[in-house]
Amino acid sequence: MSLKIKYKRDEEGGFFHTLNSRVDEYFRSNNISKYSSALSRLKAFFFLLVFLSLITTILLANGSVALLLIAFSVLGFFQICLALILGHEGVHESFSKSKKVNKAASYAFDLIGTSGYLWGLRHVQSHHPYASIPVMDVDIPDTDLVTFLPKEKPRKSIKFQFLYVPFLYLMYTLSVVFKRDASDFISKRIGHKTVSHSKREIFEVIVAKIVYFSYTLVLPILFSGVYWGWVVLGFVLMHFVASITAAVALFPAHNHIDSKFPEPDGDGNMEMTWAEHQMFVTMDFGTKWKVVGFFFGGINYHAVHHLFPSISHIHFHDIQKILRKTCKEFNVEHKEEPYLFKALYSHLMFLKSQGISKKEIHHMGEVM
C-alpha cells in the first residue's frame, strides 16, 4: 500500500489563498477566460499545419535525400512544440471548456508516437501532485546509468553522468515510444500507482502506434522515392532532434544546481503547504525572451504552471507578475533563471553534483 502524502494546510490569507484570489481577480477584471484565447488557438493551428506540411514534404520528397532528411529533422522539433502547445494543454484540460475538445487536443501526443492517455497518467496524476518527491514522482530517473537523486554512495560511473547523459538524452523519445509506453501498459503501474487500462484505451494506443509508424516509416518508404535506409536514418534524426528539444524544454525546471527533493515523514506528512512545495522544487527558466515560451507552450513558466495547471499557457507571462509580487510579500522564494543557456548549464552542473556523494558535498561546503 502506497504512502498517502499530506501537505500542510494553507490558511485563509496565506500564500496560495492570496495568490489564487489575485489570479481570479485578474481574469474577472480583464473579462477573459482562463482557457486558450483566439490567438493561442491560432498558434496551435499553425503548429499543426507546419507539422502536417513537414509530413507531406517527406512523402513527396521525390527521391531527394537532402529534402527528406531536413524535413525529418525539422519535424522532430515541431513534434515536441505541438505536444507542448496542444497535447499538454489537452491533458490538463486547460485548452478549452469542452472536455471533448481537450481530449482531441491530447491526441497530439499520440501523433508524435507516445500516448496522451499515458502521458496524462504520468504527468497529471504523479508528477504534478508529488513534484520532486522521491518514489512518488514518476519523472525522477534513478537507474544504474542516470540518477537525479542525491546518494550516500553513488555508483562510480554516475560521477561522470554529466559527460555522458547529454548523449543519452538523444535517445529519450525513442525510449518513450518503444519502451516506456509498453512498460506502463504491461506493468499496469504508473509510478507508485496501480492503474487499470480499459479496452478502449488499449485500442486507442495500438491504433495510434500504427498511425505513427505508418506516417514516419511505412509511407515514406513507399512514396518518398528515397531508399529505405535513408528513411530509417531520417526517422532516427527526427528522434534525436525531438529528444534534445524535449530535454531542453522539460528538465531544467526541476533539475538544476539548487534542486531539492523533499521527503515526507513516516506518516506521509510534508513540511510545507502544497503551493509552497511547488515553489520550493520548481524553477522558471528562459523567461527573458518570449520566443522560448512561444515554442515551448509556456512550460518554461513552470512555477505558474504547477500552481495553476488548469490555466492556459497564454496567460502565464501576466500571471507570473502576480506571482512575483505575492512571493515577495509572503517571503516565498521564486526560483528563476531568465536565460535559457544558463538554465541548461545549471542542469549539467546538477547532473555533476548528483554523481558526488553526500559526504563529498559536505566536505566541499566546509572547504568553501
Protein backbone atom coordinates (compact mmCIF):
# COMPACT_ATOMS: atom_id res chain seq x y z
CA MET A 1 0.00 0.00 0.00
CA SER A 2 1.47 3.35 -1.07
CA LEU A 3 2.08 6.14 1.40
CA LYS A 4 -0.51 8.91 1.37
CA ILE A 5 1.14 12.32 1.08
CA LYS A 6 -0.32 15.06 3.28
CA TYR A 7 0.72 18.69 2.85
CA LYS A 8 0.31 21.38 5.48
CA ARG A 9 -2.93 23.29 5.19
CA ASP A 10 -2.80 26.73 3.57
CA GLU A 11 -4.65 29.04 5.92
CA GLU A 12 -7.09 31.72 4.75
CA GLY A 13 -4.99 34.77 3.98
CA GLY A 14 -1.95 32.55 3.42
CA PHE A 15 0.32 32.50 0.40
CA PHE A 16 -1.71 30.41 -2.03
CA HIS A 17 -5.07 31.65 -0.79
CA THR A 18 -3.96 35.21 -1.54
CA LEU A 19 -2.31 34.30 -4.84
CA ASN A 20 -5.35 32.38 -6.02
CA SER A 21 -7.65 35.30 -5.17
CA ARG A 22 -5.44 37.70 -7.10
CA VAL A 23 -5.31 35.44 -10.14
CA ASP A 24 -9.11 35.06 -10.07
CA GLU A 25 -9.40 38.84 -9.90
CA TYR A 26 -7.05 39.16 -12.88
CA PHE A 27 -9.40 37.10 -15.04
CA ARG A 28 -12.53 38.85 -13.72
CA SER A 29 -11.23 42.41 -14.09
CA ASN A 30 -9.93 41.74 -17.60
CA ASN A 31 -13.06 39.78 -18.54
CA ILE A 32 -11.07 36.94 -20.06
CA SER A 33 -11.25 33.17 -19.86
CA LYS A 34 -8.58 31.05 -18.18
CA TYR A 35 -8.67 28.80 -21.25
CA SER A 36 -6.93 29.37 -24.58
CA SER A 37 -7.56 32.63 -26.41
CA ALA A 38 -8.26 33.07 -30.10
CA LEU A 39 -4.56 33.87 -30.53
CA SER A 40 -3.36 30.71 -28.79
CA ARG A 41 -5.84 28.59 -30.78
CA LEU A 42 -4.48 30.16 -33.96
CA LYS A 43 -0.96 29.32 -32.80
CA ALA A 44 -1.95 25.70 -32.14
CA PHE A 45 -3.48 25.52 -35.64
CA PHE A 46 -0.29 26.99 -37.12
CA PHE A 47 1.93 24.39 -35.46
CA LEU A 48 -0.43 21.61 -36.52
CA LEU A 49 -0.31 22.95 -40.10
CA VAL A 50 3.51 23.04 -40.07
CA PHE A 51 3.53 19.51 -38.65
CA LEU A 52 1.29 18.20 -41.46
CA SER A 53 3.25 20.16 -44.08
CA LEU A 54 6.50 18.53 -42.99
CA ILE A 55 4.95 15.06 -43.22
CA THR A 56 3.70 15.92 -46.72
CA THR A 57 7.19 17.14 -47.66
CA ILE A 58 8.67 13.81 -46.55
CA LEU A 59 6.13 11.82 -48.54
CA LEU A 60 6.68 13.97 -51.65
CA ALA A 61 10.48 14.12 -51.39
CA ASN A 62 10.60 12.71 -54.93
CA GLY A 63 13.90 10.95 -54.40
CA SER A 64 15.68 13.90 -52.71
CA VAL A 65 17.65 12.53 -49.78
CA ALA A 66 18.60 16.01 -48.56
CA LEU A 67 15.00 17.24 -48.57
CA LEU A 68 13.80 14.13 -46.74
CA LEU A 69 16.47 14.32 -44.02
CA ILE A 70 15.96 18.05 -43.46
CA ALA A 71 12.17 17.62 -43.24
CA PHE A 72 12.55 14.76 -40.77
CA SER A 73 14.92 16.82 -38.60
CA VAL A 74 12.67 19.89 -38.53
CA LEU A 75 9.70 17.62 -37.85
CA GLY A 76 11.45 16.39 -34.70
CA PHE A 77 11.48 19.93 -33.32
CA PHE A 78 7.90 20.72 -34.26
CA GLN A 79 6.64 17.42 -32.84
CA ILE A 80 7.66 18.49 -29.34
CA CYS A 81 6.33 22.02 -29.86
CA LEU A 82 2.97 20.63 -30.96
CA ALA A 83 2.84 18.28 -27.98
CA LEU A 84 3.57 21.11 -25.52
CA ILE A 85 1.30 23.68 -27.14
CA LEU A 86 -1.66 21.41 -27.83
CA GLY A 87 -1.26 18.00 -26.17
CA HIS A 88 -0.01 19.31 -22.83
CA GLU A 89 -2.97 21.67 -22.52
CA GLY A 90 -5.30 18.89 -23.56
CA VAL A 91 -4.27 16.53 -20.75
CA HIS A 92 -4.56 19.39 -18.24
CA GLU A 93 -7.96 20.38 -19.70
CA SER A 94 -6.74 23.96 -20.00
CA PHE A 95 -7.17 24.36 -23.75
CA SER A 96 -10.96 24.55 -23.75
CA LYS A 97 -14.03 24.41 -21.52
CA SER A 98 -15.10 21.39 -23.55
CA LYS A 99 -13.83 18.02 -22.32
CA LYS A 100 -14.20 16.64 -25.84
CA VAL A 101 -12.03 19.39 -27.31
CA ASN A 102 -9.41 18.83 -24.60
CA LYS A 103 -9.46 15.09 -25.30
CA ALA A 104 -8.94 15.80 -29.00
CA ALA A 105 -6.05 18.14 -28.16
CA SER A 106 -4.41 15.43 -26.01
CA TYR A 107 -4.14 13.24 -29.12
CA ALA A 108 -1.23 15.48 -30.17
CA PHE A 109 0.87 13.13 -28.04
CA ASP A 110 -0.44 10.15 -30.00
CA LEU A 111 0.51 11.91 -33.24
CA ILE A 112 4.15 12.01 -32.14
CA GLY A 113 4.35 8.34 -31.18
CA THR A 114 3.51 8.27 -27.48
CA SER A 115 0.10 8.38 -25.75
CA GLY A 116 -1.89 11.32 -24.43
CA TYR A 117 -3.68 8.92 -22.12
CA LEU A 118 -0.47 7.53 -20.60
CA TRP A 119 1.17 10.94 -20.52
CA GLY A 120 -1.80 12.26 -18.58
CA LEU A 121 -1.49 9.46 -16.03
CA ARG A 122 2.21 10.08 -15.55
CA HIS A 123 2.20 13.86 -15.67
CA VAL A 124 -1.12 14.86 -14.14
CA GLN A 125 -1.58 12.10 -11.56
CA SER A 126 2.02 11.53 -10.49
CA HIS A 127 4.33 14.40 -11.31
CA HIS A 128 2.09 17.38 -10.57
CA PRO A 129 0.72 16.43 -7.15
CA TYR A 130 4.04 14.98 -5.95
CA ALA A 131 6.64 17.04 -7.81
CA SER A 132 10.21 16.01 -6.90
CA ILE A 133 9.13 13.70 -4.08
CA PRO A 134 11.20 10.50 -4.39
CA VAL A 135 9.20 7.35 -5.25
CA MET A 136 6.00 9.38 -5.69
CA ASP A 137 7.09 11.45 -8.71
CA VAL A 138 7.40 9.14 -11.72
CA ASP A 139 9.54 11.68 -13.59
CA ILE A 140 12.60 11.29 -11.34
CA PRO A 141 15.02 8.90 -13.07
CA ASP A 142 17.08 6.70 -10.78
CA THR A 143 18.90 3.91 -12.62
CA ASP A 144 22.40 2.44 -12.79
CA LEU A 145 23.23 4.88 -15.59
CA VAL A 146 21.36 8.04 -14.57
CA THR A 147 20.19 9.43 -11.26
CA PHE A 148 18.61 12.76 -10.40
CA LEU A 149 18.58 11.91 -6.67
CA PRO A 150 21.38 12.62 -4.17
CA LYS A 151 23.09 9.44 -2.99
CA GLU A 152 25.10 8.48 0.08
CA LYS A 153 27.35 6.36 -2.12
CA PRO A 154 26.60 6.78 -5.83
CA ARG A 155 27.98 4.23 -8.31
CA LYS A 156 31.42 5.21 -9.58
CA SER A 157 30.13 5.54 -13.15
CA ILE A 158 27.49 8.07 -12.02
CA LYS A 159 30.28 10.51 -11.18
CA PHE A 160 30.67 11.05 -14.91
CA GLN A 161 27.00 11.23 -15.82
CA PHE A 162 27.25 14.94 -16.61
CA LEU A 163 29.52 13.93 -19.51
CA TYR A 164 27.56 11.02 -20.99
CA VAL A 165 23.93 11.72 -20.04
CA PRO A 166 23.53 14.53 -22.62
CA PHE A 167 24.28 11.88 -25.26
CA LEU A 168 21.75 9.52 -23.67
CA TYR A 169 19.20 12.33 -23.98
CA LEU A 170 19.40 11.78 -27.75
CA MET A 171 17.54 8.51 -27.16
CA TYR A 172 14.84 9.98 -24.91
CA THR A 173 11.86 9.96 -27.28
CA LEU A 174 12.91 6.65 -28.84
CA SER A 175 12.86 5.18 -25.33
CA VAL A 176 9.40 6.62 -24.68
CA VAL A 177 7.93 5.38 -27.98
CA PHE A 178 9.44 1.89 -27.94
CA LYS A 179 9.93 1.10 -24.25
CA ARG A 180 8.20 3.33 -21.70
CA ASP A 181 4.69 3.13 -23.16
CA ALA A 182 4.88 -0.66 -23.39
CA SER A 183 6.24 -0.88 -19.85
CA ASP A 184 3.41 1.28 -18.50
CA PHE A 185 0.85 -0.98 -20.13
CA ILE A 186 2.39 -4.32 -19.28
CA SER A 187 3.21 -3.49 -15.66
CA LYS A 188 -0.04 -1.57 -15.18
CA ARG A 189 1.83 0.78 -12.87
CA ILE A 190 2.45 4.49 -13.23
CA GLY A 191 4.99 5.41 -10.57
CA HIS A 192 3.57 4.39 -7.20
CA LYS A 193 0.03 3.79 -8.51
CA THR A 194 -1.58 0.69 -9.97
CA VAL A 195 -3.80 1.50 -12.92
CA SER A 196 -6.29 -0.49 -14.95
CA HIS A 197 -6.46 0.22 -18.69
CA SER A 198 -9.83 -0.12 -20.39
CA LYS A 199 -10.24 -1.92 -23.72
CA ARG A 200 -10.92 1.41 -25.41
CA GLU A 201 -7.70 2.94 -24.08
CA ILE A 202 -5.70 -0.10 -25.18
CA PHE A 203 -7.31 0.06 -28.62
CA GLU A 204 -6.56 3.78 -28.97
CA VAL A 205 -2.91 3.35 -28.04
CA ILE A 206 -2.46 0.47 -30.52
CA VAL A 207 -4.17 2.38 -33.35
CA ALA A 208 -2.11 5.50 -32.59
CA LYS A 209 1.12 3.50 -32.75
CA ILE A 210 0.10 2.05 -36.12
CA VAL A 211 -0.71 5.52 -37.47
CA TYR A 212 2.57 6.90 -36.15
CA PHE A 213 4.81 4.24 -37.66
CA SER A 214 2.82 4.46 -40.89
CA TYR A 215 3.49 8.15 -41.47
CA THR A 216 7.08 8.11 -40.14
CA LEU A 217 8.33 4.90 -41.76
CA VAL A 218 5.97 2.86 -43.95
CA LEU A 219 4.51 5.63 -46.12
CA PRO A 220 7.85 7.45 -46.62
CA ILE A 221 9.45 4.17 -47.75
CA LEU A 222 6.59 3.60 -50.20
CA PHE A 223 6.11 7.11 -51.58
CA SER A 224 9.16 9.33 -50.99
CA GLY A 225 11.23 7.76 -53.76
CA VAL A 226 14.16 7.55 -51.34
CA TYR A 227 15.98 4.32 -50.43
CA TRP A 228 14.55 2.81 -47.26
CA GLY A 229 17.87 3.11 -45.40
CA TRP A 230 17.77 6.90 -45.74
CA VAL A 231 14.20 6.90 -44.43
CA VAL A 232 15.29 4.97 -41.34
CA LEU A 233 18.16 7.44 -40.87
CA GLY A 234 15.66 10.31 -41.18
CA PHE A 235 13.46 8.64 -38.55
CA VAL A 236 16.42 8.41 -36.16
CA LEU A 237 17.47 12.02 -36.83
CA MET A 238 13.90 13.13 -36.14
CA HIS A 239 14.06 11.44 -32.74
CA PHE A 240 17.47 12.90 -31.94
CA VAL A 241 16.15 16.42 -32.55
CA ALA A 242 12.87 15.69 -30.72
CA SER A 243 14.77 14.23 -27.75
CA ILE A 244 17.08 17.22 -27.33
CA THR A 245 14.14 19.60 -27.74
CA ALA A 246 12.18 17.73 -25.08
CA ALA A 247 15.17 17.65 -22.72
CA VAL A 248 15.71 21.41 -23.09
CA ALA A 249 12.01 22.11 -22.53
CA LEU A 250 11.39 19.76 -19.62
CA PHE A 251 14.46 19.07 -17.50
CA PRO A 252 15.74 22.47 -16.24
CA ALA A 253 12.52 23.29 -14.34
CA HIS A 254 13.08 20.70 -11.59
CA ASN A 255 16.66 19.63 -12.18
CA HIS A 256 19.14 22.45 -11.68
CA ILE A 257 22.05 23.09 -9.36
CA ASP A 258 19.78 24.18 -6.47
CA SER A 259 17.19 21.42 -6.90
CA LYS A 260 15.67 19.86 -3.79
CA PHE A 261 13.91 16.54 -3.29
CA PRO A 262 11.98 16.83 -0.01
CA GLU A 263 10.65 13.65 1.54
CA PRO A 264 7.66 13.10 3.87
CA ASP A 265 7.97 11.77 7.38
CA GLY A 266 6.95 8.23 8.24
CA ASP A 267 3.27 9.20 8.26
CA GLY A 268 3.42 10.91 4.86
CA ASN A 269 3.41 14.46 6.25
CA MET A 270 5.25 17.17 4.32
CA GLU A 271 6.78 20.22 6.00
CA MET A 272 5.16 22.71 3.61
CA THR A 273 1.81 23.51 2.07
CA TRP A 274 1.21 22.14 -1.43
CA ALA A 275 1.80 25.55 -3.04
CA GLU A 276 4.95 26.26 -1.04
CA HIS A 277 6.25 22.82 -2.00
CA GLN A 278 5.66 23.56 -5.69
CA MET A 279 7.62 26.80 -5.36
CA PHE A 280 10.40 25.02 -3.46
CA VAL A 281 11.00 22.38 -6.14
CA THR A 282 10.24 24.35 -9.32
CA MET A 283 12.18 26.93 -11.32
CA ASP A 284 11.07 29.26 -14.11
CA PHE A 285 13.65 29.42 -16.87
CA GLY A 286 14.25 31.04 -20.23
CA THR A 287 11.75 33.81 -19.46
CA LYS A 288 13.98 36.61 -20.76
CA TRP A 289 12.78 36.04 -24.31
CA LYS A 290 9.12 35.33 -25.06
CA VAL A 291 10.12 33.22 -28.06
CA VAL A 292 11.07 30.38 -25.67
CA GLY A 293 7.54 30.27 -24.25
CA PHE A 294 6.10 30.63 -27.76
CA PHE A 295 7.71 27.40 -28.98
CA PHE A 296 7.56 25.50 -25.67
CA GLY A 297 3.93 26.25 -24.84
CA GLY A 298 4.84 28.38 -21.82
CA ILE A 299 6.15 25.36 -19.92
CA ASN A 300 9.23 27.40 -19.02
CA TYR A 301 6.92 29.46 -16.74
CA HIS A 302 6.94 26.31 -14.71
CA ALA A 303 6.05 27.64 -11.27
CA VAL A 304 2.91 29.27 -12.65
CA HIS A 305 2.04 26.08 -14.48
CA HIS A 306 2.42 23.93 -11.37
CA LEU A 307 0.33 26.27 -9.25
CA PHE A 308 -2.35 26.71 -11.92
CA PRO A 309 -2.24 23.65 -14.20
CA SER A 310 -5.79 24.22 -15.48
CA ILE A 311 -4.94 27.68 -16.87
CA SER A 312 -3.77 28.00 -20.48
CA HIS A 313 -0.14 28.93 -21.06
CA ILE A 314 -1.16 32.05 -22.98
CA HIS A 315 -1.74 33.76 -19.60
CA PHE A 316 1.46 32.65 -17.85
CA HIS A 317 3.55 35.74 -18.56
CA ASP A 318 1.00 38.04 -16.91
CA ILE A 319 0.29 35.66 -14.03
CA GLN A 320 4.00 35.42 -13.29
CA LYS A 321 3.95 39.15 -12.44
CA ILE A 322 1.25 38.47 -9.84
CA LEU A 323 3.24 35.50 -8.54
CA ARG A 324 6.43 37.56 -8.10
CA LYS A 325 4.59 40.21 -6.11
CA THR A 326 2.86 37.67 -3.86
CA CYS A 327 6.06 35.69 -3.26
CA LYS A 328 7.81 38.86 -2.15
CA GLU A 329 5.01 39.71 0.29
CA PHE A 330 4.97 36.24 1.86
CA ASN A 331 8.73 35.71 1.73
CA VAL A 332 8.36 32.69 -0.54
CA GLU A 333 11.32 32.08 -2.82
CA HIS A 334 10.58 32.29 -6.53
CA LYS A 335 13.35 30.49 -8.37
CA GLU A 336 14.00 31.87 -11.83
CA GLU A 337 16.80 31.71 -14.38
CA PRO A 338 15.83 34.16 -17.15
CA TYR A 339 18.44 32.92 -19.61
CA LEU A 340 17.87 29.54 -21.23
CA PHE A 341 21.56 28.77 -21.79
CA LYS A 342 22.30 29.41 -18.10
CA ALA A 343 19.46 27.08 -17.12
CA LEU A 344 20.94 24.37 -19.35
CA TYR A 345 24.39 24.86 -17.80
CA SER A 346 22.79 24.65 -14.36
CA HIS A 347 21.24 21.33 -15.39
CA LEU A 348 24.66 19.97 -16.36
CA MET A 349 26.06 21.08 -13.01
CA PHE A 350 23.09 19.37 -11.36
CA LEU A 351 23.97 16.10 -13.10
CA LYS A 352 27.55 16.51 -11.90
CA SER A 353 26.50 17.23 -8.31
CA GLN A 354 24.24 14.17 -8.17
CA GLY A 355 27.21 12.00 -9.05
CA ILE A 356 29.01 13.16 -5.90
CA SER A 357 28.34 11.51 -2.54
CA LYS A 358 26.65 13.48 0.23
CA LYS A 359 29.88 13.18 2.26
CA GLU A 360 31.92 14.78 -0.56
CA ILE A 361 29.37 17.57 -0.92
CA HIS A 362 29.54 18.27 2.81
CA HIS A 363 33.36 18.34 2.66
CA MET A 364 33.29 20.73 -0.32
CA GLY A 365 30.98 23.02 1.66
CA GLU A 366 33.37 23.07 4.63
CA VAL A 367 36.32 23.93 2.37
CA MET A 368 34.43 26.78 0.77
